[in-house]
Structures are given as structure tokens and as C-alpha cells.
Amino acid sequence: MTAYRLICLPHLMVWKLHSGKQVIAADIVRWLSEYRLNYSMNTGFIFLMSHYPEFRNLFYYRVGSISFLLNILCRRMSTLYITTPEIGEGLFIQHGFATVIAAKSIGKNCWINQQVTIGFSSNDECPVLEDGVTVNAGAKVIGGIRIGTGSQIGANAVVVKDVPPGCVVVGIPAYIIKRNGKKVKEPL
């Protein structure tokens, strides 16, 4: 772990001096919690930077242009693309392989899995994900739509219409199978 500490020292300094350090700290807390890791913030940050390239990509997204230099020491995940202009704290990206995150905005404490596409249907129409949204493996969320607070998008679902808060959607095209904890079968 000593070599990783040295490599990640510049990253630690950038985090501590960055204007968005509270948001990055919230990301660290979320990731440590999801992986059930009991580390201090500094040790946890170094561990996450060393072992989770998805976390690195999120960190580099948060710190902006300086990430170009930091990437020399700890490489970003080349198949995870984050181009969303506004992402709330606590975003968790599990297995970000082949994932595109190009939403208009993403709320707090969202969860995105691998091979997900969140993206445009035209030059200016891309989704909004509200707080606490989960997008499972292989799902596609496309166009100028809104995914409501606490909603879950099932694996491989294709969502092209608004999803109300508190819903679970599955299928192609996606339909609601659970609304506010009660089983249903409703079209979007």
C-alpha cells in the first residue's frame, strides 16, 4: 500500500484543496459504505483511487481539468465516459465497464452499473435522473426524459419515457412492475 500512497499523494492534495471537497468526501463515504470498508477518509480515498478505476473516473470528473495531469499517475477507466454537466454527491458506479453517462443532470446518491447508456436522442435531449435512482446492468435511458426520485431501472431495460418517483421499470420498452412498493403492471 506504500507505493499507492506515494502515487496517490498528489490526488489527496488536490482533493483537500479543491472547492468541491465536500462533494468528493460524500462520494468517498458512499463508496466505502457500499463496499463495507472501514477506513478513515484519507486511507479510504487512497484505497479507492488505487483499486477502483470507476472511482478514479468520478474523482477526475469532480476535479475537472487538473485530472489531465493526475491521470498520468493513476489511469482512468478507458471504457467509462462521464459527460454530465451536473452530478450530485454520492454517485456510485459499480463495474463501470462500457458505460456512458451523458445525462442533463444526476441527483444525489444514484447508482449506475456496467454497460449502461444514459444519453441523447438528439443534440439537446438527454435524461434527468433525480435523487436515489438506480440504473442496473445493460439498461438504456435515452432522450429528454425524467427518472423520478428513488426509481429503479431493471437490467437491460430500454427507457424512453418519463418514470414516476418510486417505481421499478423493466423490459423493452420499459413498463412499471412496482410503484411505491406495490406490484403493478403499467405502461409508462
N, C-alpha and C. Protein backbone atom coordinates (compact mmCIF):
# COMPACT_ATOMS: atom_id res chain seq x y z
N MET A 1 0.82 -1.20 0.00
CA MET A 1 0.00 0.00 0.00
C MET A 1 0.87 1.26 0.00
N THR A 2 2.13 1.15 0.39
CA THR A 2 3.01 2.31 0.46
C THR A 2 3.21 2.93 -0.92
N ALA A 3 3.42 2.12 -1.95
CA ALA A 3 3.59 2.66 -3.31
C ALA A 3 2.35 3.41 -3.75
N TYR A 4 1.17 2.86 -3.45
CA TYR A 4 -0.07 3.53 -3.82
C TYR A 4 -0.21 4.87 -3.09
N ARG A 5 0.23 4.90 -1.83
CA ARG A 5 0.16 6.16 -1.07
C ARG A 5 0.98 7.23 -1.76
N LEU A 6 2.16 6.86 -2.23
CA LEU A 6 3.01 7.84 -2.90
C LEU A 6 2.40 8.29 -4.22
N ILE A 7 1.90 7.34 -5.00
CA ILE A 7 1.29 7.68 -6.28
C ILE A 7 0.04 8.55 -6.09
N CYS A 8 -0.70 8.26 -5.04
CA CYS A 8 -1.97 8.98 -4.82
C CYS A 8 -1.82 10.24 -3.97
N LEU A 9 -0.65 10.53 -3.49
CA LEU A 9 -0.44 11.73 -2.68
C LEU A 9 -0.87 13.01 -3.41
N PRO A 10 -0.48 13.20 -4.68
CA PRO A 10 -0.96 14.40 -5.38
C PRO A 10 -2.49 14.45 -5.48
N HIS A 11 -3.13 13.30 -5.66
CA HIS A 11 -4.58 13.25 -5.72
C HIS A 11 -5.20 13.68 -4.39
N LEU A 12 -4.59 13.20 -3.30
CA LEU A 12 -5.06 13.55 -1.96
C LEU A 12 -4.95 15.06 -1.74
N MET A 13 -3.85 15.64 -2.19
CA MET A 13 -3.67 17.09 -2.04
C MET A 13 -4.70 17.85 -2.88
N VAL A 14 -4.95 17.40 -4.10
CA VAL A 14 -5.96 18.06 -4.95
C VAL A 14 -7.32 18.00 -4.28
N TRP A 15 -7.68 16.82 -3.76
CA TRP A 15 -8.97 16.70 -3.07
C TRP A 15 -9.07 17.69 -1.91
N LYS A 16 -8.05 17.74 -1.06
CA LYS A 16 -8.09 18.59 0.14
C LYS A 16 -8.15 20.07 -0.19
N LEU A 17 -7.59 20.46 -1.35
CA LEU A 17 -7.56 21.87 -1.73
C LEU A 17 -8.68 22.27 -2.69
N HIS A 18 -9.41 21.30 -3.19
CA HIS A 18 -10.43 21.57 -4.21
C HIS A 18 -11.67 22.23 -3.62
N SER A 19 -12.30 23.11 -4.37
CA SER A 19 -13.50 23.80 -3.90
C SER A 19 -14.68 22.85 -3.69
N GLY A 20 -14.67 21.72 -4.37
CA GLY A 20 -15.74 20.73 -4.22
C GLY A 20 -15.37 19.58 -3.29
N LYS A 21 -14.50 19.85 -2.31
CA LYS A 21 -14.01 18.76 -1.45
C LYS A 21 -15.11 18.10 -0.64
N GLN A 22 -16.19 18.82 -0.30
CA GLN A 22 -17.28 18.21 0.46
C GLN A 22 -18.03 17.19 -0.39
N VAL A 23 -18.22 17.47 -1.67
CA VAL A 23 -18.89 16.53 -2.57
C VAL A 23 -18.02 15.29 -2.75
N ILE A 24 -16.73 15.47 -2.92
CA ILE A 24 -15.81 14.34 -3.05
C ILE A 24 -15.82 13.52 -1.76
N ALA A 25 -15.85 14.19 -0.61
CA ALA A 25 -15.92 13.47 0.66
C ALA A 25 -17.19 12.64 0.75
N ALA A 26 -18.31 13.18 0.28
CA ALA A 26 -19.57 12.42 0.28
C ALA A 26 -19.47 11.21 -0.65
N ASP A 27 -18.78 11.36 -1.78
CA ASP A 27 -18.54 10.23 -2.68
C ASP A 27 -17.74 9.15 -1.96
N ILE A 28 -16.68 9.55 -1.26
CA ILE A 28 -15.83 8.59 -0.54
C ILE A 28 -16.66 7.83 0.49
N VAL A 29 -17.45 8.55 1.26
CA VAL A 29 -18.30 7.91 2.28
C VAL A 29 -19.22 6.89 1.64
N ARG A 30 -19.85 7.25 0.53
CA ARG A 30 -20.78 6.34 -0.14
C ARG A 30 -20.06 5.09 -0.62
N TRP A 31 -18.93 5.25 -1.29
CA TRP A 31 -18.20 4.11 -1.83
C TRP A 31 -17.69 3.21 -0.71
N LEU A 32 -17.15 3.78 0.34
CA LEU A 32 -16.68 2.96 1.46
C LEU A 32 -17.85 2.19 2.08
N SER A 33 -18.99 2.83 2.18
CA SER A 33 -20.18 2.18 2.73
C SER A 33 -20.65 1.03 1.83
N GLU A 34 -20.72 1.26 0.55
CA GLU A 34 -21.19 0.22 -0.38
C GLU A 34 -20.28 -1.00 -0.38
N TYR A 35 -18.98 -0.77 -0.24
CA TYR A 35 -18.04 -1.89 -0.21
C TYR A 35 -17.74 -2.37 1.21
N ARG A 36 -18.45 -1.80 2.18
CA ARG A 36 -18.30 -2.18 3.60
C ARG A 36 -16.84 -2.12 4.04
N LEU A 37 -16.20 -1.02 3.73
CA LEU A 37 -14.80 -0.79 4.10
C LEU A 37 -14.75 0.17 5.28
N ASN A 38 -14.01 -0.19 6.29
CA ASN A 38 -13.93 0.62 7.50
C ASN A 38 -12.59 1.34 7.55
N TYR A 39 -12.42 2.32 6.68
CA TYR A 39 -11.19 3.10 6.63
C TYR A 39 -11.48 4.54 7.01
N SER A 40 -10.43 5.24 7.44
CA SER A 40 -10.55 6.68 7.62
C SER A 40 -10.74 7.32 6.24
N MET A 41 -11.10 8.57 6.21
CA MET A 41 -11.34 9.24 4.93
C MET A 41 -10.08 9.23 4.05
N ASN A 42 -8.94 9.59 4.61
CA ASN A 42 -7.72 9.66 3.81
C ASN A 42 -7.29 8.28 3.31
N THR A 43 -7.28 7.29 4.20
CA THR A 43 -6.90 5.94 3.81
C THR A 43 -7.92 5.38 2.82
N GLY A 44 -9.20 5.64 3.08
CA GLY A 44 -10.25 5.19 2.18
C GLY A 44 -10.11 5.79 0.80
N PHE A 45 -9.79 7.08 0.74
CA PHE A 45 -9.58 7.75 -0.54
C PHE A 45 -8.45 7.07 -1.31
N ILE A 46 -7.32 6.84 -0.65
CA ILE A 46 -6.18 6.21 -1.31
C ILE A 46 -6.54 4.80 -1.77
N PHE A 47 -7.26 4.05 -0.92
CA PHE A 47 -7.67 2.70 -1.30
C PHE A 47 -8.58 2.73 -2.52
N LEU A 48 -9.57 3.61 -2.53
CA LEU A 48 -10.50 3.70 -3.66
C LEU A 48 -9.77 4.11 -4.94
N MET A 49 -8.88 5.09 -4.84
CA MET A 49 -8.13 5.53 -6.02
C MET A 49 -7.24 4.41 -6.55
N SER A 50 -6.71 3.58 -5.64
CA SER A 50 -5.79 2.52 -6.02
C SER A 50 -6.48 1.31 -6.62
N HIS A 51 -7.71 1.02 -6.16
CA HIS A 51 -8.35 -0.25 -6.51
C HIS A 51 -9.61 -0.14 -7.37
N TYR A 52 -10.18 1.03 -7.50
CA TYR A 52 -11.44 1.18 -8.23
C TYR A 52 -11.33 2.26 -9.30
N PRO A 53 -11.04 1.84 -10.54
CA PRO A 53 -10.91 2.84 -11.61
C PRO A 53 -12.20 3.62 -11.83
N GLU A 54 -13.35 3.05 -11.50
CA GLU A 54 -14.63 3.78 -11.61
C GLU A 54 -14.62 4.98 -10.67
N PHE A 55 -14.08 4.79 -9.47
CA PHE A 55 -13.98 5.90 -8.52
C PHE A 55 -13.01 6.96 -9.06
N ARG A 56 -11.92 6.50 -9.66
CA ARG A 56 -10.96 7.44 -10.25
C ARG A 56 -11.65 8.32 -11.29
N ASN A 57 -12.44 7.70 -12.17
CA ASN A 57 -13.13 8.49 -13.20
C ASN A 57 -14.04 9.53 -12.56
N LEU A 58 -14.77 9.13 -11.53
CA LEU A 58 -15.65 10.07 -10.84
C LEU A 58 -14.84 11.19 -10.20
N PHE A 59 -13.75 10.85 -9.55
CA PHE A 59 -12.89 11.86 -8.94
C PHE A 59 -12.36 12.82 -10.00
N TYR A 60 -11.88 12.28 -11.12
CA TYR A 60 -11.36 13.14 -12.19
C TYR A 60 -12.46 14.03 -12.76
N TYR A 61 -13.67 13.50 -12.87
CA TYR A 61 -14.80 14.32 -13.29
C TYR A 61 -14.98 15.49 -12.31
N ARG A 62 -14.93 15.21 -11.02
CA ARG A 62 -15.16 16.23 -9.99
C ARG A 62 -14.09 17.33 -10.01
N VAL A 63 -12.82 16.97 -10.24
CA VAL A 63 -11.76 17.97 -10.16
C VAL A 63 -11.50 18.69 -11.48
N GLY A 64 -12.08 18.20 -12.57
CA GLY A 64 -12.00 18.93 -13.84
C GLY A 64 -10.66 18.83 -14.54
N SER A 65 -10.20 19.95 -15.07
CA SER A 65 -9.07 19.96 -16.00
C SER A 65 -7.75 19.49 -15.40
N ILE A 66 -7.57 19.63 -14.11
CA ILE A 66 -6.32 19.17 -13.50
C ILE A 66 -6.18 17.65 -13.59
N SER A 67 -7.29 16.96 -13.84
CA SER A 67 -7.25 15.50 -13.92
C SER A 67 -6.33 15.02 -15.05
N PHE A 68 -6.10 15.86 -16.04
CA PHE A 68 -5.20 15.51 -17.14
C PHE A 68 -3.82 15.12 -16.61
N LEU A 69 -3.31 15.89 -15.66
CA LEU A 69 -2.01 15.61 -15.06
C LEU A 69 -2.05 14.41 -14.12
N LEU A 70 -3.12 14.33 -13.33
CA LEU A 70 -3.23 13.24 -12.36
C LEU A 70 -3.38 11.89 -13.04
N ASN A 71 -3.99 11.88 -14.21
CA ASN A 71 -4.21 10.64 -14.96
C ASN A 71 -2.90 9.94 -15.32
N ILE A 72 -1.83 10.67 -15.35
CA ILE A 72 -0.52 10.07 -15.64
C ILE A 72 -0.14 9.09 -14.53
N LEU A 73 -0.48 9.41 -13.30
CA LEU A 73 -0.13 8.56 -12.15
C LEU A 73 -1.11 7.41 -11.95
N CYS A 74 -2.38 7.70 -12.04
CA CYS A 74 -3.44 6.69 -11.87
C CYS A 74 -4.36 6.81 -13.06
N ARG A 75 -4.31 5.84 -13.94
CA ARG A 75 -5.07 5.90 -15.19
C ARG A 75 -6.56 5.80 -14.95
N ARG A 76 -7.31 6.56 -15.73
CA ARG A 76 -8.77 6.45 -15.68
C ARG A 76 -9.21 5.19 -16.42
N MET A 77 -10.45 4.78 -16.15
CA MET A 77 -11.03 3.63 -16.84
C MET A 77 -11.40 4.08 -18.25
N SER A 78 -10.83 3.46 -19.24
CA SER A 78 -10.98 3.94 -20.62
C SER A 78 -12.36 3.68 -21.22
N THR A 79 -13.15 2.80 -20.61
CA THR A 79 -14.46 2.48 -21.19
C THR A 79 -15.62 3.08 -20.39
N LEU A 80 -15.32 3.99 -19.48
CA LEU A 80 -16.35 4.68 -18.70
C LEU A 80 -16.30 6.16 -19.05
N TYR A 81 -17.42 6.66 -19.61
CA TYR A 81 -17.48 8.05 -20.07
C TYR A 81 -18.50 8.82 -19.23
N ILE A 82 -18.04 9.91 -18.63
CA ILE A 82 -18.93 10.76 -17.83
C ILE A 82 -18.90 12.16 -18.44
N THR A 83 -20.01 12.57 -19.05
CA THR A 83 -20.09 13.89 -19.68
C THR A 83 -21.29 14.69 -19.18
N THR A 84 -21.82 14.33 -18.04
CA THR A 84 -22.98 15.01 -17.45
C THR A 84 -22.52 16.30 -16.78
N PRO A 85 -23.18 17.44 -17.08
CA PRO A 85 -22.72 18.70 -16.50
C PRO A 85 -22.94 18.84 -15.00
N GLU A 86 -23.91 18.14 -14.44
CA GLU A 86 -24.21 18.29 -13.01
C GLU A 86 -24.53 16.93 -12.39
N ILE A 87 -23.69 16.51 -11.44
CA ILE A 87 -23.89 15.23 -10.76
C ILE A 87 -23.86 15.49 -9.26
N GLY A 88 -24.91 15.07 -8.57
CA GLY A 88 -24.98 15.22 -7.13
C GLY A 88 -24.00 14.31 -6.42
N GLU A 89 -23.81 14.59 -5.15
CA GLU A 89 -22.87 13.81 -4.35
C GLU A 89 -23.35 12.37 -4.19
N GLY A 90 -22.38 11.49 -3.93
CA GLY A 90 -22.69 10.11 -3.62
C GLY A 90 -22.99 9.21 -4.81
N LEU A 91 -22.59 9.61 -6.01
CA LEU A 91 -22.79 8.73 -7.16
C LEU A 91 -21.93 7.49 -7.00
N PHE A 92 -22.54 6.32 -7.16
CA PHE A 92 -21.81 5.05 -7.07
C PHE A 92 -21.89 4.36 -8.42
N ILE A 93 -20.73 4.03 -8.96
CA ILE A 93 -20.64 3.37 -10.26
C ILE A 93 -20.03 2.00 -10.02
N GLN A 94 -20.84 0.96 -10.10
CA GLN A 94 -20.34 -0.38 -9.87
C GLN A 94 -20.03 -1.03 -11.21
N HIS A 95 -18.82 -1.48 -11.38
CA HIS A 95 -18.38 -2.12 -12.63
C HIS A 95 -18.71 -1.23 -13.84
N GLY A 96 -18.08 -0.09 -13.95
CA GLY A 96 -18.40 0.87 -14.99
C GLY A 96 -17.97 0.50 -16.39
N PHE A 97 -17.66 -0.75 -16.64
CA PHE A 97 -17.20 -1.17 -17.97
C PHE A 97 -18.25 -0.84 -19.03
N ALA A 98 -17.82 -0.24 -20.12
CA ALA A 98 -18.66 0.07 -21.28
C ALA A 98 -19.90 0.86 -20.89
N THR A 99 -19.69 1.90 -20.09
CA THR A 99 -20.79 2.71 -19.57
C THR A 99 -20.64 4.16 -20.05
N VAL A 100 -21.76 4.72 -20.51
CA VAL A 100 -21.81 6.12 -20.95
C VAL A 100 -22.82 6.84 -20.07
N ILE A 101 -22.35 7.90 -19.40
CA ILE A 101 -23.21 8.69 -18.53
C ILE A 101 -23.26 10.10 -19.10
N ALA A 102 -24.28 10.36 -19.91
CA ALA A 102 -24.44 11.65 -20.58
C ALA A 102 -25.84 12.18 -20.32
N ALA A 103 -26.14 12.43 -19.06
CA ALA A 103 -27.44 12.96 -18.67
C ALA A 103 -27.39 14.49 -18.61
N LYS A 104 -28.55 15.11 -18.54
CA LYS A 104 -28.61 16.56 -18.31
C LYS A 104 -28.18 16.84 -16.88
N SER A 105 -28.67 16.02 -15.94
CA SER A 105 -28.24 16.10 -14.54
C SER A 105 -28.55 14.79 -13.85
N ILE A 106 -27.80 14.55 -12.76
CA ILE A 106 -28.00 13.36 -11.94
C ILE A 106 -28.05 13.83 -10.50
N GLY A 107 -29.06 13.37 -9.77
CA GLY A 107 -29.23 13.78 -8.37
C GLY A 107 -28.27 13.08 -7.43
N LYS A 108 -28.53 13.24 -6.15
CA LYS A 108 -27.69 12.66 -5.10
C LYS A 108 -27.93 11.16 -4.97
N ASN A 109 -26.87 10.46 -4.57
CA ASN A 109 -26.92 9.04 -4.18
C ASN A 109 -27.54 8.13 -5.23
N CYS A 110 -27.16 8.32 -6.47
CA CYS A 110 -27.60 7.43 -7.53
C CYS A 110 -26.61 6.28 -7.68
N TRP A 111 -27.06 5.22 -8.36
CA TRP A 111 -26.24 4.01 -8.54
C TRP A 111 -26.34 3.62 -10.01
N ILE A 112 -25.19 3.44 -10.66
CA ILE A 112 -25.15 3.07 -12.07
C ILE A 112 -24.25 1.85 -12.22
N ASN A 113 -24.75 0.83 -12.93
CA ASN A 113 -24.00 -0.40 -13.16
C ASN A 113 -23.30 -0.39 -14.52
N GLN A 114 -22.75 -1.55 -14.89
CA GLN A 114 -21.97 -1.69 -16.12
C GLN A 114 -22.85 -1.75 -17.36
N GLN A 115 -22.24 -1.40 -18.46
CA GLN A 115 -22.84 -1.43 -19.79
C GLN A 115 -24.16 -0.66 -19.88
N VAL A 116 -24.22 0.41 -19.12
CA VAL A 116 -25.39 1.30 -19.12
C VAL A 116 -25.13 2.43 -20.10
N THR A 117 -26.17 2.84 -20.79
CA THR A 117 -26.11 4.05 -21.60
C THR A 117 -27.18 5.00 -21.11
N ILE A 118 -26.75 6.16 -20.67
CA ILE A 118 -27.65 7.25 -20.31
C ILE A 118 -27.28 8.35 -21.29
N GLY A 119 -28.18 8.63 -22.24
CA GLY A 119 -27.72 9.52 -23.29
C GLY A 119 -28.77 10.22 -24.11
N PHE A 120 -28.28 10.84 -25.15
CA PHE A 120 -29.03 11.73 -26.02
C PHE A 120 -29.88 10.97 -27.04
N SER A 121 -31.04 11.58 -27.36
CA SER A 121 -31.82 11.11 -28.50
C SER A 121 -31.67 12.09 -29.66
N SER A 122 -31.17 13.28 -29.37
CA SER A 122 -30.86 14.30 -30.38
C SER A 122 -29.77 15.18 -29.80
N ASN A 123 -29.47 16.28 -30.44
CA ASN A 123 -28.38 17.14 -29.98
C ASN A 123 -28.57 17.70 -28.58
N ASP A 124 -29.82 17.90 -28.16
CA ASP A 124 -30.04 18.56 -26.87
C ASP A 124 -31.01 17.84 -25.94
N GLU A 125 -31.42 16.63 -26.26
CA GLU A 125 -32.37 15.91 -25.43
C GLU A 125 -31.68 14.75 -24.72
N CYS A 126 -31.45 14.94 -23.41
CA CYS A 126 -30.86 13.87 -22.61
C CYS A 126 -31.59 13.81 -21.27
N PRO A 127 -31.49 12.68 -20.58
CA PRO A 127 -32.30 12.44 -19.39
C PRO A 127 -31.87 13.25 -18.16
N VAL A 128 -32.81 13.34 -17.23
CA VAL A 128 -32.56 13.85 -15.88
C VAL A 128 -32.85 12.70 -14.93
N LEU A 129 -31.87 12.39 -14.08
CA LEU A 129 -32.06 11.38 -13.04
C LEU A 129 -32.16 12.11 -11.71
N GLU A 130 -33.29 11.94 -11.03
CA GLU A 130 -33.46 12.58 -9.73
C GLU A 130 -32.72 11.79 -8.65
N ASP A 131 -32.81 12.20 -7.40
CA ASP A 131 -32.09 11.57 -6.29
C ASP A 131 -32.44 10.09 -6.13
N GLY A 132 -31.42 9.30 -5.77
CA GLY A 132 -31.61 7.91 -5.40
C GLY A 132 -32.02 6.97 -6.51
N VAL A 133 -31.74 7.30 -7.74
CA VAL A 133 -32.11 6.45 -8.87
C VAL A 133 -31.05 5.35 -9.05
N THR A 134 -31.49 4.13 -9.35
CA THR A 134 -30.61 3.02 -9.65
C THR A 134 -30.82 2.61 -11.11
N VAL A 135 -29.72 2.49 -11.86
CA VAL A 135 -29.79 2.04 -13.25
C VAL A 135 -28.95 0.76 -13.33
N ASN A 136 -29.62 -0.37 -13.52
CA ASN A 136 -28.96 -1.67 -13.49
C ASN A 136 -28.29 -2.02 -14.82
N ALA A 137 -27.52 -3.10 -14.80
CA ALA A 137 -26.64 -3.50 -15.90
C ALA A 137 -27.35 -3.55 -17.24
N GLY A 138 -26.72 -2.95 -18.23
CA GLY A 138 -27.19 -3.02 -19.60
C GLY A 138 -28.37 -2.13 -19.95
N ALA A 139 -28.89 -1.39 -18.99
CA ALA A 139 -30.06 -0.55 -19.25
C ALA A 139 -29.70 0.63 -20.16
N LYS A 140 -30.70 1.08 -20.90
CA LYS A 140 -30.57 2.26 -21.76
C LYS A 140 -31.62 3.27 -21.33
N VAL A 141 -31.20 4.48 -21.01
CA VAL A 141 -32.09 5.57 -20.63
C VAL A 141 -31.79 6.70 -21.60
N ILE A 142 -32.73 6.94 -22.52
CA ILE A 142 -32.44 7.78 -23.69
C ILE A 142 -33.46 8.91 -23.83
N GLY A 143 -32.95 10.10 -24.14
CA GLY A 143 -33.81 11.22 -24.53
C GLY A 143 -34.12 12.17 -23.40
N GLY A 144 -34.93 13.18 -23.70
CA GLY A 144 -35.27 14.23 -22.77
C GLY A 144 -36.33 13.79 -21.77
N ILE A 145 -36.03 12.80 -20.98
CA ILE A 145 -36.98 12.23 -20.03
C ILE A 145 -36.51 12.48 -18.60
N ARG A 146 -37.39 12.23 -17.65
CA ARG A 146 -37.09 12.39 -16.23
C ARG A 146 -37.34 11.06 -15.53
N ILE A 147 -36.33 10.62 -14.76
CA ILE A 147 -36.45 9.41 -13.95
C ILE A 147 -36.65 9.89 -12.51
N GLY A 148 -37.82 9.59 -11.94
CA GLY A 148 -38.22 10.12 -10.64
C GLY A 148 -37.40 9.59 -9.48
N THR A 149 -37.41 10.33 -8.40
CA THR A 149 -36.68 10.01 -7.18
C THR A 149 -36.95 8.58 -6.72
N GLY A 150 -35.87 7.87 -6.42
CA GLY A 150 -35.98 6.53 -5.87
C GLY A 150 -36.40 5.45 -6.85
N SER A 151 -36.46 5.76 -8.11
CA SER A 151 -36.85 4.75 -9.10
C SER A 151 -35.69 3.84 -9.43
N GLN A 152 -36.05 2.63 -9.91
CA GLN A 152 -35.05 1.64 -10.31
C GLN A 152 -35.32 1.21 -11.74
N ILE A 153 -34.26 1.22 -12.53
CA ILE A 153 -34.34 0.77 -13.92
C ILE A 153 -33.74 -0.63 -13.96
N GLY A 154 -34.52 -1.63 -14.38
CA GLY A 154 -34.07 -3.02 -14.40
C GLY A 154 -33.00 -3.27 -15.44
N ALA A 155 -32.30 -4.38 -15.25
CA ALA A 155 -31.24 -4.78 -16.18
C ALA A 155 -31.79 -4.90 -17.60
N ASN A 156 -31.06 -4.31 -18.54
CA ASN A 156 -31.36 -4.34 -19.97
C ASN A 156 -32.66 -3.64 -20.37
N ALA A 157 -33.28 -2.91 -19.46
CA ALA A 157 -34.49 -2.16 -19.82
C ALA A 157 -34.12 -1.04 -20.79
N VAL A 158 -35.07 -0.67 -21.64
CA VAL A 158 -34.91 0.47 -22.53
C VAL A 158 -35.99 1.49 -22.15
N VAL A 159 -35.53 2.63 -21.62
CA VAL A 159 -36.45 3.64 -21.09
C VAL A 159 -36.38 4.88 -21.98
N VAL A 160 -37.51 5.22 -22.60
CA VAL A 160 -37.58 6.40 -23.47
C VAL A 160 -38.74 7.32 -23.07
N LYS A 161 -39.37 7.03 -21.93
CA LYS A 161 -40.46 7.85 -21.40
C LYS A 161 -40.19 8.13 -19.93
N ASP A 162 -40.81 9.21 -19.40
CA ASP A 162 -40.65 9.56 -18.00
C ASP A 162 -41.02 8.40 -17.09
N VAL A 163 -40.29 8.28 -15.98
CA VAL A 163 -40.59 7.27 -14.96
C VAL A 163 -40.98 8.03 -13.69
N PRO A 164 -42.19 7.77 -13.15
CA PRO A 164 -42.61 8.46 -11.93
C PRO A 164 -41.72 8.08 -10.74
N PRO A 165 -41.70 8.89 -9.69
CA PRO A 165 -40.92 8.57 -8.49
C PRO A 165 -41.37 7.24 -7.88
N GLY A 166 -40.40 6.53 -7.28
CA GLY A 166 -40.69 5.32 -6.54
C GLY A 166 -41.12 4.13 -7.36
N CYS A 167 -40.74 4.07 -8.62
CA CYS A 167 -41.16 2.97 -9.49
C CYS A 167 -39.98 2.07 -9.85
N VAL A 168 -40.31 0.81 -10.15
CA VAL A 168 -39.36 -0.13 -10.73
C VAL A 168 -39.85 -0.42 -12.13
N VAL A 169 -38.95 -0.23 -13.12
CA VAL A 169 -39.34 -0.48 -14.51
C VAL A 169 -38.41 -1.53 -15.11
N VAL A 170 -38.98 -2.34 -16.01
CA VAL A 170 -38.23 -3.39 -16.70
C VAL A 170 -38.73 -3.48 -18.13
N GLY A 171 -37.99 -4.19 -18.98
CA GLY A 171 -38.48 -4.53 -20.30
C GLY A 171 -38.08 -3.60 -21.41
N ILE A 172 -38.47 -4.03 -22.63
CA ILE A 172 -38.21 -3.28 -23.86
C ILE A 172 -39.51 -3.23 -24.65
N PRO A 173 -40.18 -2.12 -24.73
CA PRO A 173 -39.91 -0.88 -23.99
C PRO A 173 -40.26 -1.05 -22.51
N ALA A 174 -39.67 -0.23 -21.68
CA ALA A 174 -39.84 -0.35 -20.23
C ALA A 174 -41.29 -0.12 -19.81
N TYR A 175 -41.71 -0.87 -18.81
CA TYR A 175 -43.03 -0.70 -18.19
C TYR A 175 -42.85 -0.85 -16.68
N ILE A 176 -43.81 -0.34 -15.92
CA ILE A 176 -43.73 -0.33 -14.46
C ILE A 176 -44.18 -1.68 -13.90
N ILE A 177 -43.34 -2.26 -13.02
CA ILE A 177 -43.74 -3.50 -12.34
C ILE A 177 -43.96 -3.27 -10.84
N LYS A 178 -43.50 -2.13 -10.34
CA LYS A 178 -43.70 -1.82 -8.93
C LYS A 178 -43.81 -0.30 -8.78
N ARG A 179 -44.81 0.14 -8.03
CA ARG A 179 -44.99 1.57 -7.77
C ARG A 179 -45.15 1.75 -6.27
N ASN A 180 -44.24 2.51 -5.67
CA ASN A 180 -44.26 2.76 -4.22
C ASN A 180 -44.38 1.47 -3.42
N GLY A 181 -43.61 0.45 -3.82
CA GLY A 181 -43.55 -0.80 -3.10
C GLY A 181 -44.64 -1.81 -3.40
N LYS A 182 -45.61 -1.47 -4.24
CA LYS A 182 -46.71 -2.39 -4.56
C LYS A 182 -46.57 -2.88 -5.99
N LYS A 183 -46.77 -4.20 -6.17
CA LYS A 183 -46.65 -4.78 -7.51
C LYS A 183 -47.79 -4.29 -8.40
N VAL A 184 -47.41 -3.92 -9.61
CA VAL A 184 -48.37 -3.47 -10.63
C VAL A 184 -47.82 -3.91 -11.99
N LYS A 185 -48.57 -3.71 -13.03
CA LYS A 185 -48.06 -3.87 -14.39
C LYS A 185 -48.74 -2.76 -15.19
N GLU A 186 -47.95 -1.68 -15.39
CA GLU A 186 -48.47 -0.49 -16.05
C GLU A 186 -47.51 -0.04 -17.15
N PRO A 187 -48.05 0.46 -18.24
CA PRO A 187 -47.15 1.05 -19.25
C PRO A 187 -46.62 2.40 -18.75
N LEU A 188 -45.54 2.83 -19.31
CA LEU A 188 -45.02 4.17 -18.99
C LEU A 188 -45.78 5.21 -19.77
